[in-house]
Amino acid sequence: MSRTAGKVVRKRRGTRWSGWLFVVPALAVYGFFVLKPLLTTFQYSLYRWDGIGPSEWVGLDNYRTVLTDPDLLEIIGHAFVLIVFFSFVPVVLGLFVASLIHRVSTGALGTAARTVLFLPQVIPLVAAGIAWSWVLSTTGMVNQVMDAIGLGRYTRAWLGEFGTALPAVGIIGAWVMLGLCTILLVTGMSKIDPSLYEAARIDGAGSVREFFAVTLPSLRREIGICLTVTVIAALASFDIVYISTSGGPGTSTTVPGLEIYRLAFAQRQVGLASALAVVLMLLVLLCVLPIQRLSREGK
């Protein structure tokens, strides 16, 4: 009896170790390409270094600069402004568009609509930034349409003025993220039990009541995924801003990702750039973790 029990214990231990052997290659790759650069970035953030010469230990001075410098705080604030356009606008519009597509999802029209909406995810962001910079230029399509309908006095260089540049970049981001959010929400709607809608109709619920009582609660997980992806995209945005405005005019559209690049490679302040990168990572976690917690609680 004891011999049999010993064999069972050894077999379980062998199974446990064999499982770790399958995981070790992935952990090694993750550690080398993610954890090691992260630790190196934190190490650099404690020094004043130009990337070439000797470094000087400054402790937490770089973090103090990030959290007290008005220009850097304004740049971080730009990323939170973009969250409104990158996250909330695509999710709200995505819910509306997904509801319409869900009603015609069985036909060719639904398939075509999903394909068209998802195209921005296929187009490289660099190409999207170039195309939108043409559309929003002084002679672009937006101003031409406004001239045609009698709104010529409101035309302007949308990406070239201090008051409109950041919202214009946000609109580009909303256009990119709308298709992804819509497809995720349409997929979630297809998983909702039709009997829930039938029960709601029996209780006398209309379309609006069905949406808020059945559809919206059932999409909590999908909405959480949409918010997670889009919030990260807003806080870590770089390519769209770099291509469309290069952070201008002035610093009105400069975001943390672009400022990290400038500090490290243009101004040779590697330590300060690393500190800003660490702060940005913490901000992403502070924004994403509550979203993940709320979406898990809704399961």
C-alpha atoms as a PDB file:
ATOM      1  CA  MET A   1       0.000   0.000   0.000  1.00  0.00           C
ATOM      2  CA  SER A   2       2.791   2.396   1.024  1.00  0.00           C
ATOM      3  CA  ARG A   3       4.773   1.454  -2.091  1.00  0.00           C
ATOM      4  CA  THR A   4       1.793   2.333  -4.289  1.00  0.00           C
ATOM      5  CA  ALA A   5       1.326   5.638  -2.476  1.00  0.00           C
ATOM      6  CA  GLY A   6       5.003   6.450  -2.970  1.00  0.00           C
ATOM      7  CA  LYS A   7       4.709   5.824  -6.702  1.00  0.00           C
ATOM      8  CA  VAL A   8       1.695   8.133  -6.883  1.00  0.00           C
ATOM      9  CA  VAL A   9       3.583  10.887  -5.041  1.00  0.00           C
ATOM     10  CA  ARG A  10       6.622  10.545  -7.323  1.00  0.00           C
ATOM     11  CA  LYS A  11       4.383  10.577 -10.377  1.00  0.00           C
ATOM     12  CA  ARG A  12       2.707  13.786  -9.231  1.00  0.00           C
ATOM     13  CA  ARG A  13       6.075  15.422  -8.597  1.00  0.00           C
ATOM     14  CA  GLY A  14       7.275  14.356 -12.028  1.00  0.00           C
ATOM     15  CA  THR A  15       4.145  15.773 -13.628  1.00  0.00           C
ATOM     16  CA  ARG A  16       4.617  19.061 -11.777  1.00  0.00           C
ATOM     17  CA  TRP A  17       8.245  19.421 -12.887  1.00  0.00           C
ATOM     18  CA  SER A  18       7.437  18.425 -16.451  1.00  0.00           C
ATOM     19  CA  GLY A  19       4.835  21.186 -16.529  1.00  0.00           C
ATOM     20  CA  TRP A  20       7.461  23.728 -15.440  1.00  0.00           C
ATOM     21  CA  LEU A  21       9.758  22.507 -18.215  1.00  0.00           C
ATOM     22  CA  PHE A  22       7.133  23.537 -20.764  1.00  0.00           C
ATOM     23  CA  VAL A  23       6.822  26.977 -19.136  1.00  0.00           C
ATOM     24  CA  VAL A  24      10.547  27.709 -18.711  1.00  0.00           C
ATOM     25  CA  PRO A  25      11.240  28.697 -22.383  1.00  0.00           C
ATOM     26  CA  ALA A  26       8.402  31.238 -22.362  1.00  0.00           C
ATOM     27  CA  LEU A  27       9.525  32.593 -18.983  1.00  0.00           C
ATOM     28  CA  ALA A  28      13.090  32.906 -20.251  1.00  0.00           C
ATOM     29  CA  VAL A  29      11.992  34.879 -23.304  1.00  0.00           C
ATOM     30  CA  TYR A  30       9.693  37.081 -21.184  1.00  0.00           C
ATOM     31  CA  GLY A  31      12.436  37.703 -18.647  1.00  0.00           C
ATOM     32  CA  PHE A  32      15.049  38.581 -21.278  1.00  0.00           C
ATOM     33  CA  PHE A  33      12.880  40.833 -23.438  1.00  0.00           C
ATOM     34  CA  VAL A  34      10.557  42.363 -20.799  1.00  0.00           C
ATOM     35  CA  LEU A  35      11.804  42.066 -17.227  1.00  0.00           C
ATOM     36  CA  LYS A  36      15.481  42.746 -17.939  1.00  0.00           C
ATOM     37  CA  PRO A  37      14.817  45.965 -19.943  1.00  0.00           C
ATOM     38  CA  LEU A  38      12.369  47.059 -17.246  1.00  0.00           C
ATOM     39  CA  LEU A  39      14.956  46.617 -14.490  1.00  0.00           C
ATOM     40  CA  THR A  40      17.601  48.310 -16.647  1.00  0.00           C
ATOM     41  CA  THR A  41      15.287  51.284 -17.219  1.00  0.00           C
ATOM     42  CA  PHE A  42      14.735  51.610 -13.471  1.00  0.00           C
ATOM     43  CA  GLN A  43      18.496  51.443 -12.923  1.00  0.00           C
ATOM     44  CA  TYR A  44      19.125  54.205 -15.493  1.00  0.00           C
ATOM     45  CA  SER A  45      16.466  56.366 -13.845  1.00  0.00           C
ATOM     46  CA  LEU A  46      18.636  56.644 -10.725  1.00  0.00           C
ATOM     47  CA  TYR A  47      21.539  58.230 -12.612  1.00  0.00           C
ATOM     48  CA  ARG A  48      22.309  61.344 -14.581  1.00  0.00           C
ATOM     49  CA  TRP A  49      23.735  59.984 -17.824  1.00  0.00           C
ATOM     50  CA  ASP A  50      24.090  61.213 -21.394  1.00  0.00           C
ATOM     51  CA  GLY A  51      24.206  57.697 -22.849  1.00  0.00           C
ATOM     52  CA  ILE A  52      27.924  57.854 -23.671  1.00  0.00           C
ATOM     53  CA  GLY A  53      30.100  59.229 -20.872  1.00  0.00           C
ATOM     54  CA  PRO A  54      30.295  58.291 -17.191  1.00  0.00           C
ATOM     55  CA  SER A  55      27.080  58.344 -15.160  1.00  0.00           C
ATOM     56  CA  GLU A  56      26.405  60.196 -11.908  1.00  0.00           C
ATOM     57  CA  TRP A  57      24.232  58.794  -9.109  1.00  0.00           C
ATOM     58  CA  VAL A  58      21.312  61.155  -8.377  1.00  0.00           C
ATOM     59  CA  GLY A  59      18.914  58.808  -6.556  1.00  0.00           C
ATOM     60  CA  LEU A  60      15.309  59.916  -6.892  1.00  0.00           C
ATOM     61  CA  ASP A  61      16.083  63.366  -8.301  1.00  0.00           C
ATOM     62  CA  ASN A  62      14.897  62.379 -11.772  1.00  0.00           C
ATOM     63  CA  TYR A  63      11.541  61.277 -10.354  1.00  0.00           C
ATOM     64  CA  ARG A  64      11.304  64.524  -8.407  1.00  0.00           C
ATOM     65  CA  THR A  65      11.841  66.406 -11.652  1.00  0.00           C
ATOM     66  CA  VAL A  66       9.150  64.388 -13.459  1.00  0.00           C
ATOM     67  CA  LEU A  67       6.610  65.033 -10.691  1.00  0.00           C
ATOM     68  CA  THR A  68       7.365  68.742 -10.208  1.00  0.00           C
ATOM     69  CA  ASP A  69       8.356  70.087 -13.634  1.00  0.00           C
ATOM     70  CA  PRO A  70       5.314  71.971 -15.049  1.00  0.00           C
ATOM     71  CA  ASP A  71       6.167  71.103 -18.654  1.00  0.00           C
ATOM     72  CA  LEU A  72       6.439  67.371 -17.949  1.00  0.00           C
ATOM     73  CA  LEU A  73       3.221  67.416 -15.912  1.00  0.00           C
ATOM     74  CA  GLU A  74       1.464  69.149 -18.801  1.00  0.00           C
ATOM     75  CA  ILE A  75       2.778  66.478 -21.178  1.00  0.00           C
ATOM     76  CA  ILE A  76       1.452  63.722 -18.902  1.00  0.00           C
ATOM     77  CA  GLY A  77      -1.875  65.563 -18.805  1.00  0.00           C
ATOM     78  CA  HIS A  78      -2.049  65.427 -22.616  1.00  0.00           C
ATOM     79  CA  ALA A  79      -2.056  61.625 -22.415  1.00  0.00           C
ATOM     80  CA  PHE A  80      -5.049  61.691 -20.079  1.00  0.00           C
ATOM     81  CA  VAL A  81      -6.871  64.016 -22.464  1.00  0.00           C
ATOM     82  CA  LEU A  82      -6.274  61.484 -25.228  1.00  0.00           C
ATOM     83  CA  ILE A  83      -7.890  58.797 -23.066  1.00  0.00           C
ATOM     84  CA  VAL A  84     -11.223  60.548 -23.647  1.00  0.00           C
ATOM     85  CA  PHE A  85     -10.796  60.245 -27.418  1.00  0.00           C
ATOM     86  CA  PHE A  86      -8.971  56.907 -27.592  1.00  0.00           C
ATOM     87  CA  SER A  87     -11.134  55.104 -25.009  1.00  0.00           C
ATOM     88  CA  PHE A  88     -14.487  56.613 -24.117  1.00  0.00           C
ATOM     89  CA  VAL A  89     -15.460  57.854 -27.578  1.00  0.00           C
ATOM     90  CA  PRO A  90     -14.744  54.509 -29.336  1.00  0.00           C
ATOM     91  CA  VAL A  91     -16.499  52.503 -26.609  1.00  0.00           C
ATOM     92  CA  VAL A  92     -19.643  54.665 -26.606  1.00  0.00           C
ATOM     93  CA  LEU A  93     -19.827  54.850 -30.391  1.00  0.00           C
ATOM     94  CA  GLY A  94     -18.838  51.193 -30.618  1.00  0.00           C
ATOM     95  CA  LEU A  95     -21.802  50.168 -28.455  1.00  0.00           C
ATOM     96  CA  PHE A  96     -24.161  52.066 -30.735  1.00  0.00           C
ATOM     97  CA  VAL A  97     -22.618  50.776 -33.974  1.00  0.00           C
ATOM     98  CA  ALA A  98     -22.351  47.220 -32.626  1.00  0.00           C
ATOM     99  CA  SER A  99     -26.041  47.237 -31.738  1.00  0.00           C
ATOM    100  CA  LEU A 100     -26.918  48.248 -35.296  1.00  0.00           C
ATOM    101  CA  ILE A 101     -24.585  45.654 -36.832  1.00  0.00           C
ATOM    102  CA  HIS A 102     -25.880  42.936 -34.515  1.00  0.00           C
ATOM    103  CA  ARG A 103     -29.369  43.389 -35.904  1.00  0.00           C
ATOM    104  CA  VAL A 104     -28.154  42.767 -39.485  1.00  0.00           C
ATOM    105  CA  SER A 105     -25.207  40.486 -38.647  1.00  0.00           C
ATOM    106  CA  THR A 106     -26.593  37.574 -40.643  1.00  0.00           C
ATOM    107  CA  GLY A 107     -26.550  39.413 -43.978  1.00  0.00           C
ATOM    108  CA  ALA A 108     -23.877  40.659 -46.327  1.00  0.00           C
ATOM    109  CA  LEU A 109     -24.405  44.184 -45.014  1.00  0.00           C
ATOM    110  CA  GLY A 110     -23.250  43.160 -41.538  1.00  0.00           C
ATOM    111  CA  THR A 111     -20.145  41.457 -42.915  1.00  0.00           C
ATOM    112  CA  ALA A 112     -19.273  44.478 -45.044  1.00  0.00           C
ATOM    113  CA  ALA A 113     -19.789  46.839 -42.104  1.00  0.00           C
ATOM    114  CA  ARG A 114     -17.496  44.808 -39.854  1.00  0.00           C
ATOM    115  CA  THR A 115     -14.828  44.682 -42.561  1.00  0.00           C
ATOM    116  CA  VAL A 116     -14.910  48.425 -43.203  1.00  0.00           C
ATOM    117  CA  LEU A 117     -14.823  49.268 -39.489  1.00  0.00           C
ATOM    118  CA  PHE A 118     -11.879  46.970 -38.845  1.00  0.00           C
ATOM    119  CA  LEU A 119      -9.763  48.380 -41.705  1.00  0.00           C
ATOM    120  CA  PRO A 120      -8.076  51.064 -39.503  1.00  0.00           C
ATOM    121  CA  GLN A 121      -6.580  48.240 -37.444  1.00  0.00           C
ATOM    122  CA  VAL A 122      -4.988  46.790 -40.581  1.00  0.00           C
ATOM    123  CA  ILE A 123      -3.602  50.085 -41.876  1.00  0.00           C
ATOM    124  CA  PRO A 124      -0.179  50.965 -40.362  1.00  0.00           C
ATOM    125  CA  LEU A 125      -0.482  53.850 -37.905  1.00  0.00           C
ATOM    126  CA  VAL A 126       2.232  55.743 -39.762  1.00  0.00           C
ATOM    127  CA  ALA A 127       0.162  55.625 -42.946  1.00  0.00           C
ATOM    128  CA  ALA A 128      -2.958  56.608 -40.999  1.00  0.00           C
ATOM    129  CA  GLY A 129      -1.137  59.588 -39.484  1.00  0.00           C
ATOM    130  CA  ILE A 130       0.047  60.783 -42.905  1.00  0.00           C
ATOM    131  CA  ALA A 131      -3.409  60.389 -44.439  1.00  0.00           C
ATOM    132  CA  TRP A 132      -5.112  62.270 -41.611  1.00  0.00           C
ATOM    133  CA  SER A 133      -2.528  65.059 -41.733  1.00  0.00           C
ATOM    134  CA  TRP A 134      -3.605  65.590 -45.351  1.00  0.00           C
ATOM    135  CA  VAL A 135      -7.306  65.426 -44.484  1.00  0.00           C
ATOM    136  CA  LEU A 136      -6.952  67.970 -41.657  1.00  0.00           C
ATOM    137  CA  SER A 137      -4.591  70.370 -43.449  1.00  0.00           C
ATOM    138  CA  THR A 138      -5.607  73.872 -44.504  1.00  0.00           C
ATOM    139  CA  THR A 139      -6.435  72.582 -48.004  1.00  0.00           C
ATOM    140  CA  GLY A 140      -7.619  69.185 -46.822  1.00  0.00           C
ATOM    141  CA  MET A 141     -10.950  67.481 -47.282  1.00  0.00           C
ATOM    142  CA  VAL A 142     -12.413  68.694 -43.989  1.00  0.00           C
ATOM    143  CA  ASN A 143     -11.910  72.349 -44.846  1.00  0.00           C
ATOM    144  CA  GLN A 144     -13.084  71.795 -48.415  1.00  0.00           C
ATOM    145  CA  VAL A 145     -16.339  70.273 -47.167  1.00  0.00           C
ATOM    146  CA  MET A 146     -16.813  73.130 -44.710  1.00  0.00           C
ATOM    147  CA  ASP A 147     -16.280  75.641 -47.505  1.00  0.00           C
ATOM    148  CA  ALA A 148     -18.817  73.815 -49.662  1.00  0.00           C
ATOM    149  CA  ILE A 149     -21.556  73.975 -47.008  1.00  0.00           C
ATOM    150  CA  GLY A 150     -20.973  77.611 -46.107  1.00  0.00           C
ATOM    151  CA  LEU A 151     -18.801  77.169 -43.002  1.00  0.00           C
ATOM    152  CA  GLY A 152     -15.643  78.563 -44.579  1.00  0.00           C
ATOM    153  CA  ARG A 153     -15.080  81.055 -41.767  1.00  0.00           C
ATOM    154  CA  TYR A 154     -14.494  78.153 -39.369  1.00  0.00           C
ATOM    155  CA  THR A 155     -11.806  76.463 -41.465  1.00  0.00           C
ATOM    156  CA  ARG A 156      -8.315  76.282 -40.016  1.00  0.00           C
ATOM    157  CA  ALA A 157      -5.172  74.197 -39.832  1.00  0.00           C
ATOM    158  CA  TRP A 158      -6.650  71.687 -37.395  1.00  0.00           C
ATOM    159  CA  LEU A 159      -3.302  70.107 -36.553  1.00  0.00           C
ATOM    160  CA  GLY A 160      -1.435  73.406 -36.542  1.00  0.00           C
ATOM    161  CA  GLU A 161      -3.297  75.503 -33.960  1.00  0.00           C
ATOM    162  CA  PHE A 162      -2.830  75.285 -30.200  1.00  0.00           C
ATOM    163  CA  GLY A 163      -6.520  74.952 -29.417  1.00  0.00           C
ATOM    164  CA  THR A 164      -7.414  72.255 -31.939  1.00  0.00           C
ATOM    165  CA  ALA A 165      -4.256  70.172 -32.416  1.00  0.00           C
ATOM    166  CA  LEU A 166      -4.715  67.831 -29.457  1.00  0.00           C
ATOM    167  CA  PRO A 167      -8.442  67.154 -30.110  1.00  0.00           C
ATOM    168  CA  ALA A 168      -7.585  66.546 -33.776  1.00  0.00           C
ATOM    169  CA  VAL A 169      -4.998  63.941 -32.772  1.00  0.00           C
ATOM    170  CA  GLY A 170      -7.625  62.444 -30.463  1.00  0.00           C
ATOM    171  CA  ILE A 171     -10.058  62.139 -33.369  1.00  0.00           C
ATOM    172  CA  ILE A 172      -7.433  60.200 -35.325  1.00  0.00           C
ATOM    173  CA  GLY A 173      -7.020  57.850 -32.380  1.00  0.00           C
ATOM    174  CA  ALA A 174     -10.779  57.447 -32.003  1.00  0.00           C
ATOM    175  CA  TRP A 175     -11.035  56.512 -35.691  1.00  0.00           C
ATOM    176  CA  VAL A 176      -8.318  53.878 -35.261  1.00  0.00           C
ATOM    177  CA  MET A 177      -9.833  52.363 -32.099  1.00  0.00           C
ATOM    178  CA  LEU A 178     -13.499  52.439 -33.122  1.00  0.00           C
ATOM    179  CA  GLY A 179     -13.283  49.372 -35.357  1.00  0.00           C
ATOM    180  CA  LEU A 180     -11.527  47.242 -32.740  1.00  0.00           C
ATOM    181  CA  CYS A 181     -14.046  48.150 -30.038  1.00  0.00           C
ATOM    182  CA  THR A 182     -16.976  47.557 -32.383  1.00  0.00           C
ATOM    183  CA  ILE A 183     -15.771  44.078 -33.417  1.00  0.00           C
ATOM    184  CA  LEU A 184     -15.173  43.063 -29.792  1.00  0.00           C
ATOM    185  CA  LEU A 185     -18.617  44.305 -28.766  1.00  0.00           C
ATOM    186  CA  VAL A 186     -20.348  42.629 -31.720  1.00  0.00           C
ATOM    187  CA  THR A 187     -18.652  39.367 -30.749  1.00  0.00           C
ATOM    188  CA  GLY A 188     -19.848  39.793 -27.182  1.00  0.00           C
ATOM    189  CA  MET A 189     -23.396  40.505 -28.295  1.00  0.00           C
ATOM    190  CA  SER A 190     -23.463  37.282 -30.317  1.00  0.00           C
ATOM    191  CA  LYS A 191     -22.821  35.340 -27.093  1.00  0.00           C
ATOM    192  CA  ILE A 192     -25.821  36.780 -25.230  1.00  0.00           C
ATOM    193  CA  ASP A 193     -28.598  34.242 -24.708  1.00  0.00           C
ATOM    194  CA  PRO A 194     -31.601  35.263 -26.897  1.00  0.00           C
ATOM    195  CA  SER A 195     -33.928  34.080 -24.138  1.00  0.00           C
ATOM    196  CA  LEU A 196     -32.848  37.080 -22.071  1.00  0.00           C
ATOM    197  CA  TYR A 197     -34.188  39.423 -24.737  1.00  0.00           C
ATOM    198  CA  GLU A 198     -37.391  37.401 -25.003  1.00  0.00           C
ATOM    199  CA  ALA A 199     -37.896  37.623 -21.244  1.00  0.00           C
ATOM    200  CA  ALA A 200     -37.309  41.373 -21.351  1.00  0.00           C
ATOM    201  CA  ARG A 201     -39.854  41.800 -24.152  1.00  0.00           C
ATOM    202  CA  ILE A 202     -42.399  39.754 -22.205  1.00  0.00           C
ATOM    203  CA  ASP A 203     -41.889  42.144 -19.295  1.00  0.00           C
ATOM    204  CA  GLY A 204     -42.689  45.006 -21.668  1.00  0.00           C
ATOM    205  CA  ALA A 205     -39.167  46.324 -22.202  1.00  0.00           C
ATOM    206  CA  GLY A 206     -38.486  48.379 -25.307  1.00  0.00           C
ATOM    207  CA  SER A 207     -35.249  48.587 -27.276  1.00  0.00           C
ATOM    208  CA  VAL A 208     -33.658  51.122 -24.936  1.00  0.00           C
ATOM    209  CA  ARG A 209     -34.636  49.164 -21.831  1.00  0.00           C
ATOM    210  CA  GLU A 210     -33.293  45.946 -23.419  1.00  0.00           C
ATOM    211  CA  PHE A 211     -29.989  47.644 -24.108  1.00  0.00           C
ATOM    212  CA  PHE A 212     -29.472  48.881 -20.548  1.00  0.00           C
ATOM    213  CA  ALA A 213     -30.990  45.872 -18.777  1.00  0.00           C
ATOM    214  CA  VAL A 214     -29.636  43.012 -20.914  1.00  0.00           C
ATOM    215  CA  THR A 215     -26.998  44.060 -23.449  1.00  0.00           C
ATOM    216  CA  LEU A 216     -24.878  46.431 -21.376  1.00  0.00           C
ATOM    217  CA  PRO A 217     -24.518  44.191 -18.276  1.00  0.00           C
ATOM    218  CA  SER A 218     -23.713  41.193 -20.488  1.00  0.00           C
ATOM    219  CA  LEU A 219     -20.897  43.112 -22.198  1.00  0.00           C
ATOM    220  CA  ARG A 220     -19.046  44.049 -19.013  1.00  0.00           C
ATOM    221  CA  ARG A 221     -16.097  41.795 -19.863  1.00  0.00           C
ATOM    222  CA  GLU A 222     -15.840  43.009 -23.480  1.00  0.00           C
ATOM    223  CA  ILE A 223     -16.104  46.653 -22.383  1.00  0.00           C
ATOM    224  CA  GLY A 224     -13.317  46.005 -19.872  1.00  0.00           C
ATOM    225  CA  ILE A 225     -11.105  44.620 -22.645  1.00  0.00           C
ATOM    226  CA  CYS A 226     -11.875  47.597 -24.890  1.00  0.00           C
ATOM    227  CA  LEU A 227     -11.054  50.087 -22.136  1.00  0.00           C
ATOM    228  CA  THR A 228      -7.859  48.257 -21.215  1.00  0.00           C
ATOM    229  CA  VAL A 229      -6.535  48.196 -24.779  1.00  0.00           C
ATOM    230  CA  THR A 230      -7.529  51.757 -25.608  1.00  0.00           C
ATOM    231  CA  VAL A 231      -6.289  53.290 -22.329  1.00  0.00           C
ATOM    232  CA  ILE A 232      -2.888  51.672 -22.876  1.00  0.00           C
ATOM    233  CA  ALA A 233      -2.888  52.957 -26.465  1.00  0.00           C
ATOM    234  CA  ALA A 234      -3.682  56.491 -25.271  1.00  0.00           C
ATOM    235  CA  LEU A 235      -1.057  56.621 -22.528  1.00  0.00           C
ATOM    236  CA  ALA A 236       1.620  54.967 -24.685  1.00  0.00           C
ATOM    237  CA  SER A 237       0.765  56.806 -27.917  1.00  0.00           C
ATOM    238  CA  PHE A 238       3.727  57.806 -30.039  1.00  0.00           C
ATOM    239  CA  ASP A 239       3.526  57.076 -33.763  1.00  0.00           C
ATOM    240  CA  ILE A 240       0.299  58.921 -34.555  1.00  0.00           C
ATOM    241  CA  VAL A 241       1.482  62.018 -32.683  1.00  0.00           C
ATOM    242  CA  TYR A 242       4.985  61.870 -34.139  1.00  0.00           C
ATOM    243  CA  ILE A 243       3.749  61.593 -37.730  1.00  0.00           C
ATOM    244  CA  SER A 244       0.827  64.021 -37.596  1.00  0.00           C
ATOM    245  CA  THR A 245       2.184  66.885 -35.448  1.00  0.00           C
ATOM    246  CA  SER A 246       5.638  65.894 -34.068  1.00  0.00           C
ATOM    247  CA  GLY A 247       4.328  67.162 -30.738  1.00  0.00           C
ATOM    248  CA  GLY A 248       3.544  70.679 -31.999  1.00  0.00           C
ATOM    249  CA  PRO A 249       2.585  73.364 -32.259  1.00  0.00           C
ATOM    250  CA  GLY A 250       4.949  74.059 -29.374  1.00  0.00           C
ATOM    251  CA  THR A 251       4.341  71.199 -26.969  1.00  0.00           C
ATOM    252  CA  SER A 252       0.550  71.245 -27.267  1.00  0.00           C
ATOM    253  CA  THR A 253       0.375  67.643 -28.519  1.00  0.00           C
ATOM    254  CA  THR A 254       3.545  66.245 -26.944  1.00  0.00           C
ATOM    255  CA  VAL A 255       2.791  63.016 -25.061  1.00  0.00           C
ATOM    256  CA  PRO A 256       5.003  61.042 -22.648  1.00  0.00           C
ATOM    257  CA  GLY A 257       6.117  58.522 -25.275  1.00  0.00           C
ATOM    258  CA  LEU A 258       7.340  61.281 -27.584  1.00  0.00           C
ATOM    259  CA  GLU A 259       8.990  63.183 -24.740  1.00  0.00           C
ATOM    260  CA  ILE A 260      10.830  60.038 -23.606  1.00  0.00           C
ATOM    261  CA  TYR A 261      12.219  59.708 -27.128  1.00  0.00           C
ATOM    262  CA  ARG A 262      13.323  63.343 -27.226  1.00  0.00           C
ATOM    263  CA  LEU A 263      14.897  63.311 -23.777  1.00  0.00           C
ATOM    264  CA  ALA A 264      16.835  60.117 -24.440  1.00  0.00           C
ATOM    265  CA  PHE A 265      17.981  60.578 -28.036  1.00  0.00           C
ATOM    266  CA  ALA A 266      17.863  64.324 -28.718  1.00  0.00           C
ATOM    267  CA  GLN A 267      18.693  65.907 -25.353  1.00  0.00           C
ATOM    268  CA  ARG A 268      20.849  63.020 -24.052  1.00  0.00           C
ATOM    269  CA  GLN A 269      19.062  62.920 -20.673  1.00  0.00           C
ATOM    270  CA  VAL A 270      18.797  59.152 -20.428  1.00  0.00           C
ATOM    271  CA  GLY A 271      18.179  59.134 -16.674  1.00  0.00           C
ATOM    272  CA  LEU A 272      15.289  61.603 -16.851  1.00  0.00           C
ATOM    273  CA  ALA A 273      13.815  59.775 -19.846  1.00  0.00           C
ATOM    274  CA  SER A 274      13.993  56.488 -17.939  1.00  0.00           C
ATOM    275  CA  ALA A 275      12.299  58.037 -14.901  1.00  0.00           C
ATOM    276  CA  LEU A 276       9.489  59.351 -17.109  1.00  0.00           C
ATOM    277  CA  ALA A 277       9.159  55.881 -18.655  1.00  0.00           C
ATOM    278  CA  VAL A 278       8.838  54.275 -15.204  1.00  0.00           C
ATOM    279  CA  VAL A 279       6.240  56.859 -14.149  1.00  0.00           C
ATOM    280  CA  LEU A 280       4.325  56.207 -17.368  1.00  0.00           C
ATOM    281  CA  MET A 281       4.342  52.464 -16.664  1.00  0.00           C
ATOM    282  CA  LEU A 282       2.967  53.079 -13.165  1.00  0.00           C
ATOM    283  CA  LEU A 283       0.246  55.339 -14.570  1.00  0.00           C
ATOM    284  CA  VAL A 284      -0.755  52.613 -17.031  1.00  0.00           C
ATOM    285  CA  LEU A 285      -1.010  50.103 -14.188  1.00  0.00           C
ATOM    286  CA  LEU A 286      -3.009  52.517 -12.021  1.00  0.00           C
ATOM    287  CA  CYS A 287      -5.486  53.031 -14.853  1.00  0.00           C
ATOM    288  CA  VAL A 288      -5.696  49.438 -16.115  1.00  0.00           C
ATOM    289  CA  LEU A 289      -5.808  47.412 -12.889  1.00  0.00           C
ATOM    290  CA  PRO A 290      -9.100  48.952 -11.617  1.00  0.00           C
ATOM    291  CA  ILE A 291     -10.663  48.318 -15.035  1.00  0.00           C
ATOM    292  CA  GLN A 292      -9.578  44.686 -14.907  1.00  0.00           C
ATOM    293  CA  ARG A 293     -10.888  44.319 -11.361  1.00  0.00           C
ATOM    294  CA  LEU A 294     -14.294  45.741 -12.252  1.00  0.00           C
ATOM    295  CA  SER A 295     -14.581  43.525 -15.336  1.00  0.00           C
ATOM    296  CA  ARG A 296     -13.717  40.409 -13.303  1.00  0.00           C
ATOM    297  CA  GLU A 297     -16.280  41.290 -10.646  1.00  0.00           C
ATOM    298  CA  GLY A 298     -18.945  41.351 -13.353  1.00  0.00           C
ATOM    299  CA  LYS A 299     -18.351  37.761 -14.470  1.00  0.00           C
END
